[in-house]
Every structure is written in C-alpha cells, then in structure tokens.
Protein backbone atom coordinates (compact mmCIF):
# COMPACT_ATOMS: atom_id res chain seq x y z
CA UNK A 1 32.40 -133.13 59.05
CA UNK A 2 33.04 -135.91 56.57
CA UNK A 3 31.11 -139.10 56.43
CA UNK A 4 32.68 -142.13 54.81
CA UNK A 5 30.96 -145.24 53.47
CA UNK A 6 33.14 -148.29 52.26
CA UNK A 7 32.17 -150.76 49.43
CA UNK A 8 33.60 -153.79 47.96
CA UNK A 9 34.75 -156.16 50.62
CA UNK A 10 34.06 -159.98 50.34
CA UNK A 11 35.54 -163.47 50.07
CA UNK A 12 38.19 -164.19 47.63
CA UNK A 13 40.69 -166.88 46.99
CA UNK A 14 44.47 -166.37 47.55
CA UNK A 15 45.95 -164.81 44.36
CA UNK A 16 42.55 -163.15 43.51
CA UNK A 17 41.70 -159.43 43.46
CA UNK A 18 39.37 -156.97 44.96
CA UNK A 19 38.63 -153.34 44.60
CA UNK A 20 37.59 -151.34 47.77
CA UNK A 21 35.78 -147.98 47.25
CA UNK A 22 35.08 -145.40 49.72
CA UNK A 23 32.52 -142.67 49.12
CA UNK A 24 32.91 -139.42 51.10
CA UNK A 25 30.29 -136.79 51.70
CA UNK A 26 31.05 -133.00 51.79
CA UNK A 27 32.43 -130.47 49.47
CA UNK A 28 36.12 -130.39 50.76
CA UNK A 29 37.02 -133.86 49.76
CA UNK A 30 39.94 -132.82 47.55
CA UNK A 31 41.90 -131.31 50.44
CA UNK A 32 41.87 -134.41 52.58
CA UNK A 33 44.65 -137.10 52.77
CA UNK A 34 42.60 -140.30 52.04
CA UNK A 35 43.83 -143.52 53.46
CA UNK A 36 42.91 -147.30 53.90
CA UNK A 37 43.70 -148.98 57.17
CA UNK A 38 43.07 -152.55 58.24
CA UNK A 39 42.61 -154.48 61.39
CA UNK A 40 43.03 -158.21 61.67
CA UNK A 41 41.64 -160.12 64.60
CA UNK A 42 43.93 -159.57 67.71
CA UNK A 43 45.96 -157.13 66.05
CA UNK A 44 46.15 -153.25 65.95
CA UNK A 45 44.87 -151.33 63.15
CA UNK A 46 47.59 -150.52 60.50
CA UNK A 47 48.01 -148.25 57.72
CA UNK A 48 47.64 -149.96 54.27
CA UNK A 49 48.02 -146.93 51.94
CA UNK A 50 47.26 -143.31 51.73
CA UNK A 51 47.09 -140.66 48.96
CA UNK A 52 47.47 -136.92 49.38
CA UNK A 53 45.36 -134.19 47.68
CA UNK A 54 48.22 -133.88 45.17
CA UNK A 55 48.28 -137.66 44.45
CA UNK A 56 51.33 -138.61 46.32
CA UNK A 57 51.05 -142.12 47.73
CA UNK A 58 52.46 -144.30 50.37
CA UNK A 59 52.07 -148.09 51.22
CA UNK A 60 52.92 -150.46 53.90
CA UNK A 61 55.69 -152.73 52.88
CA UNK A 62 53.53 -155.57 53.18
CA UNK A 63 51.35 -154.38 50.22
CA UNK A 64 53.48 -152.50 48.15
CA UNK A 65 53.60 -153.67 44.54
CA UNK A 66 50.25 -155.69 45.15
CA UNK A 67 47.83 -152.85 46.21
CA UNK A 68 47.09 -149.49 44.46
CA UNK A 69 45.39 -146.63 46.09
CA UNK A 70 43.73 -143.95 43.84
CA UNK A 71 41.19 -141.19 44.22
CA UNK A 72 38.66 -139.47 42.12
CA UNK A 73 37.96 -135.80 43.41
CA UNK A 74 35.13 -135.33 41.02
CA UNK A 75 33.28 -138.34 42.49
CA UNK A 76 34.62 -137.77 46.21
CA UNK A 77 35.67 -141.38 46.03
CA UNK A 78 39.11 -143.16 46.96
CA UNK A 79 39.71 -146.72 45.83
CA UNK A 80 41.93 -149.55 46.89
CA UNK A 81 42.92 -152.13 44.08
CA UNK A 82 44.10 -155.26 45.80
CA UNK A 83 45.79 -157.90 43.65
CA UNK A 84 47.64 -161.12 44.43
CA UNK A 85 45.79 -161.29 47.78
CA UNK A 86 47.13 -163.48 50.42
CA UNK A 87 45.48 -165.15 53.56
CA UNK A 88 47.33 -162.54 55.81
CA UNK A 89 45.45 -159.52 53.91
CA UNK A 90 42.26 -160.97 55.75
CA UNK A 91 41.03 -158.04 57.78
CA UNK A 92 38.61 -155.44 58.36
CA UNK A 93 39.41 -152.57 56.11
CA UNK A 94 38.54 -148.84 57.01
CA UNK A 95 38.63 -145.68 54.98
CA UNK A 96 40.13 -142.69 56.60
CA UNK A 97 40.04 -138.99 55.84
CA UNK A 98 42.22 -136.38 57.47
CA UNK A 99 43.39 -132.88 56.89
CA UNK A 100 47.08 -132.72 55.99
CA UNK A 101 48.28 -131.29 59.35
CA UNK A 102 46.58 -134.13 61.27
CA UNK A 103 48.66 -137.12 62.06
CA UNK A 104 48.03 -140.59 60.69
CA UNK A 105 45.64 -142.56 62.57
CA UNK A 106 43.40 -139.55 63.35
CA UNK A 107 40.48 -137.94 61.39
CA UNK A 108 37.40 -139.43 60.05
CA UNK A 109 36.48 -143.08 59.82
CA UNK A 110 34.10 -145.35 57.97
CA UNK A 111 32.57 -148.28 59.44
CA UNK A 112 34.83 -150.78 57.71
CA UNK A 113 34.47 -153.51 55.07
CA UNK A 114 35.41 -157.10 55.59
CA UNK A 115 38.05 -158.75 53.21
CA UNK A 116 38.48 -162.42 53.63
CA UNK A 117 41.14 -164.33 51.66
CA UNK A 118 40.58 -167.92 51.97
CA UNK A 119 40.08 -171.11 49.78
C-alpha cells in the first residue's frame, strides 16, 4: 500500500509559479509511475503529467512547456513545477502512484491540494 501526501498548493496570480510536492510512503516508490492529475469544478479529473520509474515524462497538451514533473527516488517524492500559470489551471491537484501495468487513472491517490490562479 502506498500513501501519498501533497504539499504546495495555494493562491497565485496569473503568470506566477508554484511547485507542488507529493511525498510517498513505502519502500517501492521507485517502481511506480507517478502522476499529477487535476479536477476543476464541474469537470472530470484529467491527467496533467506523469513520470515513469526510468524518468520518461508525458504531459497534457494544455500544460506542455509550462509545467515540469520530476521525481527524487531517494526522497520518495514527486514534484510538479508550474510556471506561467493561467486562470484555467485552477483546480484541485491530486498525486497518483500506479504500477506500470496499471492503467492511467487507477492506483493510489492523495487527498489533493488546491491551486487557485486569480488576481
């Protein structure tokens, strides 16, 4: 079982930056595909970015070039650096951990951290 705790959400102005962190419990962190998802009010949860155990990354088109996902296996932590934030990035952001053979959208979830982009 993996437990995930997110940190770093908050209120930021358009054009600003935030870094989210997700700390994972357990000794097998390095084998998991780690991801960030988000859910805005009235919308479905969507993938923002994920990173494999080998460091391969994938991003939603809406955030590519602005967000960067990374992981530190020694610290059991995954990060999401968010730059040039827009109002449409406002959402509850969730950390996800899944084994490689498990489909996206499944696996273990954190409780979420709110990101609000507003003047």
